[in-house]
Amino acid sequence: MLAAGATDVEVGRKVPGPARPGDEELTYVAVRRPLIEWALRQAVMRERRVAIVSGARVRGVRVASGGVDGADLDDGHVDAQVVIDALGRTSPVRAWLAEQGAGYT
């Protein structure tokens, strides 16, 4: 992300109290959300075992043997060992799981 335009911001000197060894390593990355999303997508695309399905609308998840085993899309189903819910606090995933008698952790 730094090479793509993010900025390293040193925060060690802003920490209250006397300076301690290692404070010079306290930093955060100042970046806008689109850059984070781009960088994460680039990293995921390099993973051989990960499939990205772009432009699809998820309509539900499927539960089997106590775990999620895929996602229902507008135009079919994707089998998966892991399904990541990155929809935030308004995500419908809790309701989808409850409809199938599964808990949410």
PDB file of N, CA and C in Angstrom:
ATOM      1  N   MET A   1       0.827  -1.183   0.000  1.00  0.00           N
ATOM      2  CA  MET A   1       0.000   0.000   0.000  1.00  0.00           C
ATOM      3  C   MET A   1       0.872   1.248   0.000  1.00  0.00           C
ATOM      4  N   LEU A   2       2.017   1.168   0.683  1.00  0.00           N
ATOM      5  CA  LEU A   2       2.895   2.333   0.698  1.00  0.00           C
ATOM      6  C   LEU A   2       3.382   2.669  -0.706  1.00  0.00           C
ATOM      7  N   ALA A   3       3.716   1.643  -1.477  1.00  0.00           N
ATOM      8  CA  ALA A   3       4.181   1.877  -2.847  1.00  0.00           C
ATOM      9  C   ALA A   3       3.072   2.439  -3.734  1.00  0.00           C
ATOM     10  N   ALA A   4       1.819   2.204  -3.352  1.00  0.00           N
ATOM     11  CA  ALA A   4       0.682   2.661  -4.155  1.00  0.00           C
ATOM     12  C   ALA A   4       0.125   4.004  -3.694  1.00  0.00           C
ATOM     13  N   GLY A   5       0.727   4.597  -2.642  1.00  0.00           N
ATOM     14  CA  GLY A   5       0.294   5.933  -2.244  1.00  0.00           C
ATOM     15  C   GLY A   5      -0.093   6.130  -0.801  1.00  0.00           C
ATOM     16  N   ALA A   6      -0.113   5.079  -0.001  1.00  0.00           N
ATOM     17  CA  ALA A   6      -0.404   5.246   1.423  1.00  0.00           C
ATOM     18  C   ALA A   6       0.770   5.941   2.100  1.00  0.00           C
ATOM     19  N   THR A   7       0.549   6.484   3.281  1.00  0.00           N
ATOM     20  CA  THR A   7       1.587   7.209   3.994  1.00  0.00           C
ATOM     21  C   THR A   7       1.801   6.596   5.368  1.00  0.00           C
ATOM     22  N   ASP A   8       3.057   6.378   5.726  1.00  0.00           N
ATOM     23  CA  ASP A   8       3.410   5.931   7.063  1.00  0.00           C
ATOM     24  C   ASP A   8       3.403   7.139   7.989  1.00  0.00           C
ATOM     25  N   VAL A   9       2.685   7.060   9.095  1.00  0.00           N
ATOM     26  CA  VAL A   9       2.608   8.168  10.049  1.00  0.00           C
ATOM     27  C   VAL A   9       3.195   7.690  11.371  1.00  0.00           C
ATOM     28  N   GLU A  10       4.244   8.375  11.828  1.00  0.00           N
ATOM     29  CA  GLU A  10       4.870   8.023  13.101  1.00  0.00           C
ATOM     30  C   GLU A  10       4.016   8.543  14.245  1.00  0.00           C
ATOM     31  N   VAL A  11       3.724   7.707  15.207  1.00  0.00           N
ATOM     32  CA  VAL A  11       2.915   8.123  16.347  1.00  0.00           C
ATOM     33  C   VAL A  11       3.650   7.968  17.668  1.00  0.00           C
ATOM     34  N   GLY A  12       4.837   7.398  17.658  1.00  0.00           N
ATOM     35  CA  GLY A  12       5.599   7.172  18.883  1.00  0.00           C
ATOM     36  C   GLY A  12       5.809   8.430  19.693  1.00  0.00           C
ATOM     37  N   ARG A  13       6.096   9.533  19.053  1.00  0.00           N
ATOM     38  CA  ARG A  13       6.362  10.773  19.797  1.00  0.00           C
ATOM     39  C   ARG A  13       5.067  11.398  20.328  1.00  0.00           C
ATOM     40  N   LYS A  14       3.908  10.893  19.921  1.00  0.00           N
ATOM     41  CA  LYS A  14       2.628  11.422  20.385  1.00  0.00           C
ATOM     42  C   LYS A  14       2.049  10.633  21.554  1.00  0.00           C
ATOM     43  N   VAL A  15       2.679   9.535  21.901  1.00  0.00           N
ATOM     44  CA  VAL A  15       2.205   8.698  22.995  1.00  0.00           C
ATOM     45  C   VAL A  15       2.508   9.417  24.312  1.00  0.00           C
ATOM     46  N   PRO A  16       1.524   9.533  25.211  1.00  0.00           N
ATOM     47  CA  PRO A  16       1.763  10.223  26.483  1.00  0.00           C
ATOM     48  C   PRO A  16       2.849   9.547  27.318  1.00  0.00           C
ATOM     49  N   GLY A  17       3.503  10.329  28.128  1.00  0.00           N
ATOM     50  CA  GLY A  17       4.523   9.805  29.025  1.00  0.00           C
ATOM     51  C   GLY A  17       5.896   9.865  28.407  1.00  0.00           C
ATOM     52  N   PRO A  18       6.877   9.432  29.168  1.00  0.00           N
ATOM     53  CA  PRO A  18       8.255   9.480  28.664  1.00  0.00           C
ATOM     54  C   PRO A  18       8.458   8.493  27.515  1.00  0.00           C
ATOM     55  N   ALA A  19       9.402   8.832  26.651  1.00  0.00           N
ATOM     56  CA  ALA A  19       9.727   7.953  25.518  1.00  0.00           C
ATOM     57  C   ALA A  19      10.280   6.629  26.032  1.00  0.00           C
ATOM     58  N   ARG A  20       9.968   5.568  25.302  1.00  0.00           N
ATOM     59  CA  ARG A  20      10.457   4.243  25.645  1.00  0.00           C
ATOM     60  C   ARG A  20      11.131   3.644  24.425  1.00  0.00           C
ATOM     61  N   PRO A  21      12.055   2.708  24.657  1.00  0.00           N
ATOM     62  CA  PRO A  21      12.662   2.032  23.509  1.00  0.00           C
ATOM     63  C   PRO A  21      11.572   1.340  22.682  1.00  0.00           C
ATOM     64  N   GLY A  22      11.632   1.483  21.400  1.00  0.00           N
ATOM     65  CA  GLY A  22      10.652   0.884  20.499  1.00  0.00           C
ATOM     66  C   GLY A  22       9.575   1.848  20.058  1.00  0.00           C
ATOM     67  N   ASP A  23       9.465   3.023  20.719  1.00  0.00           N
ATOM     68  CA  ASP A  23       8.453   3.997  20.333  1.00  0.00           C
ATOM     69  C   ASP A  23       8.614   4.435  18.877  1.00  0.00           C
ATOM     70  N   GLU A  24       9.843   4.417  18.395  1.00  0.00           N
ATOM     71  CA  GLU A  24      10.076   4.837  17.009  1.00  0.00           C
ATOM     72  C   GLU A  24       9.435   3.887  16.003  1.00  0.00           C
ATOM     73  N   GLU A  25       9.067   2.702  16.467  1.00  0.00           N
ATOM     74  CA  GLU A  25       8.418   1.734  15.581  1.00  0.00           C
ATOM     75  C   GLU A  25       6.895   1.864  15.574  1.00  0.00           C
ATOM     76  N   LEU A  26       6.345   2.721  16.424  1.00  0.00           N
ATOM     77  CA  LEU A  26       4.900   2.897  16.478  1.00  0.00           C
ATOM     78  C   LEU A  26       4.462   3.777  15.313  1.00  0.00           C
ATOM     79  N   THR A  27       3.787   3.154  14.363  1.00  0.00           N
ATOM     80  CA  THR A  27       3.313   3.883  13.190  1.00  0.00           C
ATOM     81  C   THR A  27       1.930   3.367  12.810  1.00  0.00           C
ATOM     82  N   TYR A  28       1.230   4.140  12.029  1.00  0.00           N
ATOM     83  CA  TYR A  28       0.025   3.643  11.385  1.00  0.00           C
ATOM     84  C   TYR A  28       0.078   4.076   9.934  1.00  0.00           C
ATOM     85  N   VAL A  29      -0.708   3.439   9.131  1.00  0.00           N
ATOM     86  CA  VAL A  29      -0.736   3.726   7.706  1.00  0.00           C
ATOM     87  C   VAL A  29      -1.965   4.579   7.415  1.00  0.00           C
ATOM     88  N   ALA A  30      -1.732   5.761   6.885  1.00  0.00           N
ATOM     89  CA  ALA A  30      -2.835   6.643   6.488  1.00  0.00           C
ATOM     90  C   ALA A  30      -3.185   6.310   5.041  1.00  0.00           C
ATOM     91  N   VAL A  31      -4.419   5.861   4.853  1.00  0.00           N
ATOM     92  CA  VAL A  31      -4.824   5.387   3.535  1.00  0.00           C
ATOM     93  C   VAL A  31      -6.334   5.520   3.389  1.00  0.00           C
ATOM     94  N   ARG A  32      -6.752   5.766   2.180  1.00  0.00           N
ATOM     95  CA  ARG A  32      -8.197   5.806   1.920  1.00  0.00           C
ATOM     96  C   ARG A  32      -8.701   4.393   1.619  1.00  0.00           C
ATOM     97  N   ARG A  33      -9.980   4.196   1.883  1.00  0.00           N
ATOM     98  CA  ARG A  33     -10.576   2.871   1.734  1.00  0.00           C
ATOM     99  C   ARG A  33     -10.381   2.243   0.349  1.00  0.00           C
ATOM    100  N   PRO A  34     -10.551   2.977  -0.746  1.00  0.00           N
ATOM    101  CA  PRO A  34     -10.362   2.328  -2.051  1.00  0.00           C
ATOM    102  C   PRO A  34      -8.970   1.714  -2.231  1.00  0.00           C
ATOM    103  N   LEU A  35      -7.954   2.343  -1.652  1.00  0.00           N
ATOM    104  CA  LEU A  35      -6.608   1.797  -1.765  1.00  0.00           C
ATOM    105  C   LEU A  35      -6.469   0.514  -0.950  1.00  0.00           C
ATOM    106  N   ILE A  36      -7.078   0.490   0.234  1.00  0.00           N
ATOM    107  CA  ILE A  36      -7.048  -0.739   1.037  1.00  0.00           C
ATOM    108  C   ILE A  36      -7.744  -1.870   0.288  1.00  0.00           C
ATOM    109  N   GLU A  37      -8.909  -1.584  -0.274  1.00  0.00           N
ATOM    110  CA  GLU A  37      -9.652  -2.609  -1.001  1.00  0.00           C
ATOM    111  C   GLU A  37      -8.858  -3.109  -2.202  1.00  0.00           C
ATOM    112  N   TRP A  38      -8.208  -2.198  -2.916  1.00  0.00           N
ATOM    113  CA  TRP A  38      -7.386  -2.585  -4.074  1.00  0.00           C
ATOM    114  C   TRP A  38      -6.231  -3.476  -3.626  1.00  0.00           C
ATOM    115  N   ALA A  39      -5.528  -3.071  -2.564  1.00  0.00           N
ATOM    116  CA  ALA A  39      -4.374  -3.843  -2.089  1.00  0.00           C
ATOM    117  C   ALA A  39      -4.797  -5.228  -1.604  1.00  0.00           C
ATOM    118  N   LEU A  40      -5.900  -5.304  -0.876  1.00  0.00           N
ATOM    119  CA  LEU A  40      -6.385  -6.609  -0.411  1.00  0.00           C
ATOM    120  C   LEU A  40      -6.783  -7.498  -1.582  1.00  0.00           C
ATOM    121  N   ARG A  41      -7.438  -6.914  -2.567  1.00  0.00           N
ATOM    122  CA  ARG A  41      -7.831  -7.691  -3.744  1.00  0.00           C
ATOM    123  C   ARG A  41      -6.605  -8.228  -4.473  1.00  0.00           C
ATOM    124  N   GLN A  42      -5.575  -7.396  -4.606  1.00  0.00           N
ATOM    125  CA  GLN A  42      -4.346  -7.849  -5.266  1.00  0.00           C
ATOM    126  C   GLN A  42      -3.724  -9.020  -4.510  1.00  0.00           C
ATOM    127  N   ALA A  43      -3.702  -8.936  -3.177  1.00  0.00           N
ATOM    128  CA  ALA A  43      -3.140 -10.015  -2.364  1.00  0.00           C
ATOM    129  C   ALA A  43      -3.969 -11.290  -2.502  1.00  0.00           C
ATOM    130  N   VAL A  44      -5.283 -11.162  -2.468  1.00  0.00           N
ATOM    131  CA  VAL A  44      -6.162 -12.330  -2.581  1.00  0.00           C
ATOM    132  C   VAL A  44      -6.031 -12.970  -3.960  1.00  0.00           C
ATOM    133  N   MET A  45      -5.886 -12.167  -4.989  1.00  0.00           N
ATOM    134  CA  MET A  45      -5.772 -12.714  -6.344  1.00  0.00           C
ATOM    135  C   MET A  45      -4.515 -13.562  -6.521  1.00  0.00           C
ATOM    136  N   ARG A  46      -3.523 -13.349  -5.675  1.00  0.00           N
ATOM    137  CA  ARG A  46      -2.295 -14.156  -5.742  1.00  0.00           C
ATOM    138  C   ARG A  46      -2.439 -15.503  -5.036  1.00  0.00           C
ATOM    139  N   GLU A  47      -3.514 -15.683  -4.295  1.00  0.00           N
ATOM    140  CA  GLU A  47      -3.739 -16.929  -3.569  1.00  0.00           C
ATOM    141  C   GLU A  47      -4.376 -17.961  -4.497  1.00  0.00           C
ATOM    142  N   ARG A  48      -3.736 -19.093  -4.658  1.00  0.00           N
ATOM    143  CA  ARG A  48      -4.226 -20.124  -5.578  1.00  0.00           C
ATOM    144  C   ARG A  48      -5.531 -20.760  -5.119  1.00  0.00           C
ATOM    145  N   ARG A  49      -5.755 -20.847  -3.815  1.00  0.00           N
ATOM    146  CA  ARG A  49      -6.933 -21.555  -3.302  1.00  0.00           C
ATOM    147  C   ARG A  49      -8.139 -20.651  -3.079  1.00  0.00           C
ATOM    148  N   VAL A  50      -8.053 -19.407  -3.518  1.00  0.00           N
ATOM    149  CA  VAL A  50      -9.150 -18.469  -3.306  1.00  0.00           C
ATOM    150  C   VAL A  50      -9.771 -18.116  -4.653  1.00  0.00           C
ATOM    151  N   ALA A  51     -11.088 -18.158  -4.713  1.00  0.00           N
ATOM    152  CA  ALA A  51     -11.801 -17.760  -5.926  1.00  0.00           C
ATOM    153  C   ALA A  51     -12.548 -16.461  -5.642  1.00  0.00           C
ATOM    154  N   ILE A  52     -12.417 -15.505  -6.531  1.00  0.00           N
ATOM    155  CA  ILE A  52     -13.140 -14.248  -6.415  1.00  0.00           C
ATOM    156  C   ILE A  52     -14.280 -14.286  -7.418  1.00  0.00           C
ATOM    157  N   VAL A  53     -15.485 -14.018  -6.946  1.00  0.00           N
ATOM    158  CA  VAL A  53     -16.649 -13.970  -7.819  1.00  0.00           C
ATOM    159  C   VAL A  53     -17.111 -12.516  -7.841  1.00  0.00           C
ATOM    160  N   SER A  54     -16.791 -11.820  -8.908  1.00  0.00           N
ATOM    161  CA  SER A  54     -17.125 -10.392  -9.002  1.00  0.00           C
ATOM    162  C   SER A  54     -18.499 -10.187  -9.618  1.00  0.00           C
ATOM    163  N   GLY A  55     -19.161  -9.145  -9.174  1.00  0.00           N
ATOM    164  CA  GLY A  55     -20.435  -8.763  -9.764  1.00  0.00           C
ATOM    165  C   GLY A  55     -21.602  -9.666  -9.432  1.00  0.00           C
ATOM    166  N   ALA A  56     -21.396 -10.593  -8.518  1.00  0.00           N
ATOM    167  CA  ALA A  56     -22.478 -11.513  -8.142  1.00  0.00           C
ATOM    168  C   ALA A  56     -23.189 -10.997  -6.903  1.00  0.00           C
ATOM    169  N   ARG A  57     -24.460 -11.267  -6.806  1.00  0.00           N
ATOM    170  CA  ARG A  57     -25.230 -10.903  -5.615  1.00  0.00           C
ATOM    171  C   ARG A  57     -25.493 -12.161  -4.812  1.00  0.00           C
ATOM    172  N   VAL A  58     -25.091 -12.122  -3.558  1.00  0.00           N
ATOM    173  CA  VAL A  58     -25.293 -13.261  -2.674  1.00  0.00           C
ATOM    174  C   VAL A  58     -26.715 -13.202  -2.130  1.00  0.00           C
ATOM    175  N   ARG A  59     -27.432 -14.321  -2.241  1.00  0.00           N
ATOM    176  CA  ARG A  59     -28.822 -14.408  -1.791  1.00  0.00           C
ATOM    177  C   ARG A  59     -28.988 -15.236  -0.532  1.00  0.00           C
ATOM    178  N   GLY A  60     -27.909 -15.888  -0.108  1.00  0.00           N
ATOM    179  CA  GLY A  60     -27.994 -16.717   1.083  1.00  0.00           C
ATOM    180  C   GLY A  60     -26.748 -17.555   1.242  1.00  0.00           C
ATOM    181  N   VAL A  61     -26.682 -18.259   2.374  1.00  0.00           N
ATOM    182  CA  VAL A  61     -25.601 -19.202   2.613  1.00  0.00           C
ATOM    183  C   VAL A  61     -26.200 -20.572   2.841  1.00  0.00           C
ATOM    184  N   ARG A  62     -25.413 -21.583   2.578  1.00  0.00           N
ATOM    185  CA  ARG A  62     -25.864 -22.954   2.817  1.00  0.00           C
ATOM    186  C   ARG A  62     -25.119 -23.523   4.001  1.00  0.00           C
ATOM    187  N   VAL A  63     -25.845 -24.209   4.847  1.00  0.00           N
ATOM    188  CA  VAL A  63     -25.267 -24.804   6.044  1.00  0.00           C
ATOM    189  C   VAL A  63     -25.371 -26.311   5.932  1.00  0.00           C
ATOM    190  N   ALA A  64     -24.270 -26.983   6.229  1.00  0.00           N
ATOM    191  CA  ALA A  64     -24.251 -28.447   6.239  1.00  0.00           C
ATOM    192  C   ALA A  64     -23.335 -28.898   7.368  1.00  0.00           C
ATOM    193  N   SER A  65     -23.767 -29.878   8.121  1.00  0.00           N
ATOM    194  CA  SER A  65     -22.977 -30.426   9.227  1.00  0.00           C
ATOM    195  C   SER A  65     -22.509 -29.340  10.187  1.00  0.00           C
ATOM    196  N   GLY A  66     -23.373 -28.361  10.444  1.00  0.00           N
ATOM    197  CA  GLY A  66     -23.052 -27.332  11.413  1.00  0.00           C
ATOM    198  C   GLY A  66     -22.172 -26.209  10.928  1.00  0.00           C
ATOM    199  N   GLY A  67     -21.805 -26.206   9.668  1.00  0.00           N
ATOM    200  CA  GLY A  67     -20.958 -25.128   9.147  1.00  0.00           C
ATOM    201  C   GLY A  67     -21.438 -24.651   7.796  1.00  0.00           C
ATOM    202  N   VAL A  68     -21.013 -23.474   7.442  1.00  0.00           N
ATOM    203  CA  VAL A  68     -21.367 -22.936   6.131  1.00  0.00           C
ATOM    204  C   VAL A  68     -20.534 -23.653   5.075  1.00  0.00           C
ATOM    205  N   ASP A  69     -21.185 -24.107   4.003  1.00  0.00           N
ATOM    206  CA  ASP A  69     -20.441 -24.803   2.955  1.00  0.00           C
ATOM    207  C   ASP A  69     -20.560 -24.131   1.591  1.00  0.00           C
ATOM    208  N   GLY A  70     -21.055 -22.907   1.572  1.00  0.00           N
ATOM    209  CA  GLY A  70     -21.130 -22.187   0.310  1.00  0.00           C
ATOM    210  C   GLY A  70     -22.105 -21.040   0.362  1.00  0.00           C
ATOM    211  N   ALA A  71     -22.249 -20.394  -0.781  1.00  0.00           N
ATOM    212  CA  ALA A  71     -23.143 -19.236  -0.887  1.00  0.00           C
ATOM    213  C   ALA A  71     -24.060 -19.401  -2.088  1.00  0.00           C
ATOM    214  N   ASP A  72     -25.315 -19.011  -1.909  1.00  0.00           N
ATOM    215  CA  ASP A  72     -26.273 -18.996  -3.014  1.00  0.00           C
ATOM    216  C   ASP A  72     -26.195 -17.636  -3.694  1.00  0.00           C
ATOM    217  N   LEU A  73     -26.021 -17.659  -5.005  1.00  0.00           N
ATOM    218  CA  LEU A  73     -25.935 -16.433  -5.790  1.00  0.00           C
ATOM    219  C   LEU A  73     -27.171 -16.289  -6.660  1.00  0.00           C
ATOM    220  N   ASP A  74     -27.327 -15.133  -7.273  1.00  0.00           N
ATOM    221  CA  ASP A  74     -28.436 -14.921  -8.204  1.00  0.00           C
ATOM    222  C   ASP A  74     -28.474 -15.993  -9.286  1.00  0.00           C
ATOM    223  N   ASP A  75     -27.292 -16.396  -9.737  1.00  0.00           N
ATOM    224  CA  ASP A  75     -27.233 -17.327 -10.864  1.00  0.00           C
ATOM    225  C   ASP A  75     -26.594 -18.670 -10.523  1.00  0.00           C
ATOM    226  N   GLY A  76     -26.762 -19.122  -9.283  1.00  0.00           N
ATOM    227  CA  GLY A  76     -26.221 -20.433  -8.942  1.00  0.00           C
ATOM    228  C   GLY A  76     -25.718 -20.503  -7.515  1.00  0.00           C
ATOM    229  N   HIS A  77     -24.775 -21.386  -7.313  1.00  0.00           N
ATOM    230  CA  HIS A  77     -24.232 -21.659  -5.984  1.00  0.00           C
ATOM    231  C   HIS A  77     -22.720 -21.778  -6.093  1.00  0.00           C
ATOM    232  N   VAL A  78     -22.025 -21.311  -5.072  1.00  0.00           N
ATOM    233  CA  VAL A  78     -20.571 -21.463  -4.987  1.00  0.00           C
ATOM    234  C   VAL A  78     -20.280 -22.317  -3.760  1.00  0.00           C
ATOM    235  N   ASP A  79     -19.623 -23.465  -3.960  1.00  0.00           N
ATOM    236  CA  ASP A  79     -19.191 -24.301  -2.844  1.00  0.00           C
ATOM    237  C   ASP A  79     -17.944 -23.680  -2.237  1.00  0.00           C
ATOM    238  N   ALA A  80     -17.841 -23.709  -0.916  1.00  0.00           N
ATOM    239  CA  ALA A  80     -16.683 -23.113  -0.261  1.00  0.00           C
ATOM    240  C   ALA A  80     -16.458 -23.722   1.110  1.00  0.00           C
ATOM    241  N   GLN A  81     -15.200 -23.838   1.501  1.00  0.00           N
ATOM    242  CA  GLN A  81     -14.860 -24.263   2.851  1.00  0.00           C
ATOM    243  C   GLN A  81     -14.940 -23.079   3.813  1.00  0.00           C
ATOM    244  N   VAL A  82     -14.760 -21.883   3.280  1.00  0.00           N
ATOM    245  CA  VAL A  82     -14.823 -20.661   4.080  1.00  0.00           C
ATOM    246  C   VAL A  82     -15.625 -19.625   3.311  1.00  0.00           C
ATOM    247  N   VAL A  83     -16.544 -18.972   3.988  1.00  0.00           N
ATOM    248  CA  VAL A  83     -17.286 -17.852   3.415  1.00  0.00           C
ATOM    249  C   VAL A  83     -17.046 -16.658   4.327  1.00  0.00           C
ATOM    250  N   ILE A  84     -16.572 -15.568   3.768  1.00  0.00           N
ATOM    251  CA  ILE A  84     -16.276 -14.377   4.561  1.00  0.00           C
ATOM    252  C   ILE A  84     -17.426 -13.389   4.431  1.00  0.00           C
ATOM    253  N   ASP A  85     -17.977 -13.025   5.573  1.00  0.00           N
ATOM    254  CA  ASP A  85     -19.043 -12.023   5.622  1.00  0.00           C
ATOM    255  C   ASP A  85     -18.387 -10.669   5.874  1.00  0.00           C
ATOM    256  N   ALA A  86     -18.263  -9.862   4.843  1.00  0.00           N
ATOM    257  CA  ALA A  86     -17.637  -8.538   4.962  1.00  0.00           C
ATOM    258  C   ALA A  86     -18.655  -7.445   4.671  1.00  0.00           C
ATOM    259  N   LEU A  87     -19.901  -7.715   5.016  1.00  0.00           N
ATOM    260  CA  LEU A  87     -20.962  -6.770   4.698  1.00  0.00           C
ATOM    261  C   LEU A  87     -21.237  -5.766   5.814  1.00  0.00           C
ATOM    262  N   GLY A  88     -20.550  -5.880   6.930  1.00  0.00           N
ATOM    263  CA  GLY A  88     -20.732  -4.901   7.999  1.00  0.00           C
ATOM    264  C   GLY A  88     -21.942  -5.184   8.865  1.00  0.00           C
ATOM    265  N   ARG A  89     -22.308  -4.169   9.658  1.00  0.00           N
ATOM    266  CA  ARG A  89     -23.362  -4.359  10.658  1.00  0.00           C
ATOM    267  C   ARG A  89     -24.745  -4.585  10.068  1.00  0.00           C
ATOM    268  N   THR A  90     -24.948  -4.240   8.805  1.00  0.00           N
ATOM    269  CA  THR A  90     -26.260  -4.459   8.187  1.00  0.00           C
ATOM    270  C   THR A  90     -26.325  -5.780   7.425  1.00  0.00           C
ATOM    271  N   SER A  91     -25.342  -6.623   7.637  1.00  0.00           N
ATOM    272  CA  SER A  91     -25.281  -7.903   6.931  1.00  0.00           C
ATOM    273  C   SER A  91     -26.508  -8.761   7.204  1.00  0.00           C
ATOM    274  N   PRO A  92     -27.035  -9.402   6.173  1.00  0.00           N
ATOM    275  CA  PRO A  92     -28.165 -10.316   6.355  1.00  0.00           C
ATOM    276  C   PRO A  92     -27.740 -11.723   6.777  1.00  0.00           C
ATOM    277  N   VAL A  93     -26.450 -11.954   6.964  1.00  0.00           N
ATOM    278  CA  VAL A  93     -25.964 -13.306   7.229  1.00  0.00           C
ATOM    279  C   VAL A  93     -26.524 -13.886   8.524  1.00  0.00           C
ATOM    280  N   ARG A  94     -26.664 -13.095   9.563  1.00  0.00           N
ATOM    281  CA  ARG A  94     -27.243 -13.618  10.820  1.00  0.00           C
ATOM    282  C   ARG A  94     -28.630 -14.204  10.570  1.00  0.00           C
ATOM    283  N   ALA A  95     -29.435 -13.483   9.818  1.00  0.00           N
ATOM    284  CA  ALA A  95     -30.794 -13.958   9.526  1.00  0.00           C
ATOM    285  C   ALA A  95     -30.746 -15.206   8.663  1.00  0.00           C
ATOM    286  N   TRP A  96     -29.870 -15.232   7.679  1.00  0.00           N
ATOM    287  CA  TRP A  96     -29.756 -16.418   6.818  1.00  0.00           C
ATOM    288  C   TRP A  96     -29.377 -17.646   7.640  1.00  0.00           C
ATOM    289  N   LEU A  97     -28.460 -17.475   8.564  1.00  0.00           N
ATOM    290  CA  LEU A  97     -28.048 -18.602   9.410  1.00  0.00           C
ATOM    291  C   LEU A  97     -29.176 -19.021  10.341  1.00  0.00           C
ATOM    292  N   ALA A  98     -29.854 -18.053  10.935  1.00  0.00           N
ATOM    293  CA  ALA A  98     -30.963 -18.368  11.841  1.00  0.00           C
ATOM    294  C   ALA A  98     -32.072 -19.124  11.110  1.00  0.00           C
ATOM    295  N   GLU A  99     -32.343 -18.769   9.856  1.00  0.00           N
ATOM    296  CA  GLU A  99     -33.362 -19.475   9.064  1.00  0.00           C
ATOM    297  C   GLU A  99     -33.051 -20.947   8.924  1.00  0.00           C
ATOM    298  N   GLN A 100     -31.760 -21.284   8.997  1.00  0.00           N
ATOM    299  CA  GLN A 100     -31.336 -22.670   8.832  1.00  0.00           C
ATOM    300  C   GLN A 100     -30.992 -23.328  10.169  1.00  0.00           C
ATOM    301  N   GLY A 101     -31.272 -22.621  11.261  1.00  0.00           N
ATOM    302  CA  GLY A 101     -31.022 -23.180  12.576  1.00  0.00           C
ATOM    303  C   GLY A 101     -29.581 -23.166  13.013  1.00  0.00           C
ATOM    304  N   ALA A 102     -28.773 -22.357  12.359  1.00  0.00           N
ATOM    305  CA  ALA A 102     -27.351 -22.281  12.704  1.00  0.00           C
ATOM    306  C   ALA A 102     -27.072 -21.030  13.525  1.00  0.00           C
ATOM    307  N   GLY A 103     -26.128 -21.111  14.428  1.00  0.00           N
ATOM    308  CA  GLY A 103     -25.737 -19.949  15.230  1.00  0.00           C
ATOM    309  C   GLY A 103     -24.758 -19.077  14.479  1.00  0.00           C
ATOM    310  N   TYR A 104     -24.486 -17.932  15.030  1.00  0.00           N
ATOM    311  CA  TYR A 104     -23.566 -16.967  14.428  1.00  0.00           C
ATOM    312  C   TYR A 104     -22.451 -16.719  15.428  1.00  0.00           C
ATOM    313  N   THR A 105     -21.217 -16.937  14.998  1.00  0.00           N
ATOM    314  CA  THR A 105     -20.077 -16.697  15.882  1.00  0.00           C
ATOM    315  C   THR A 105     -19.130 -15.711  15.268  1.00  0.00           C
TER     316      THR A 105
END
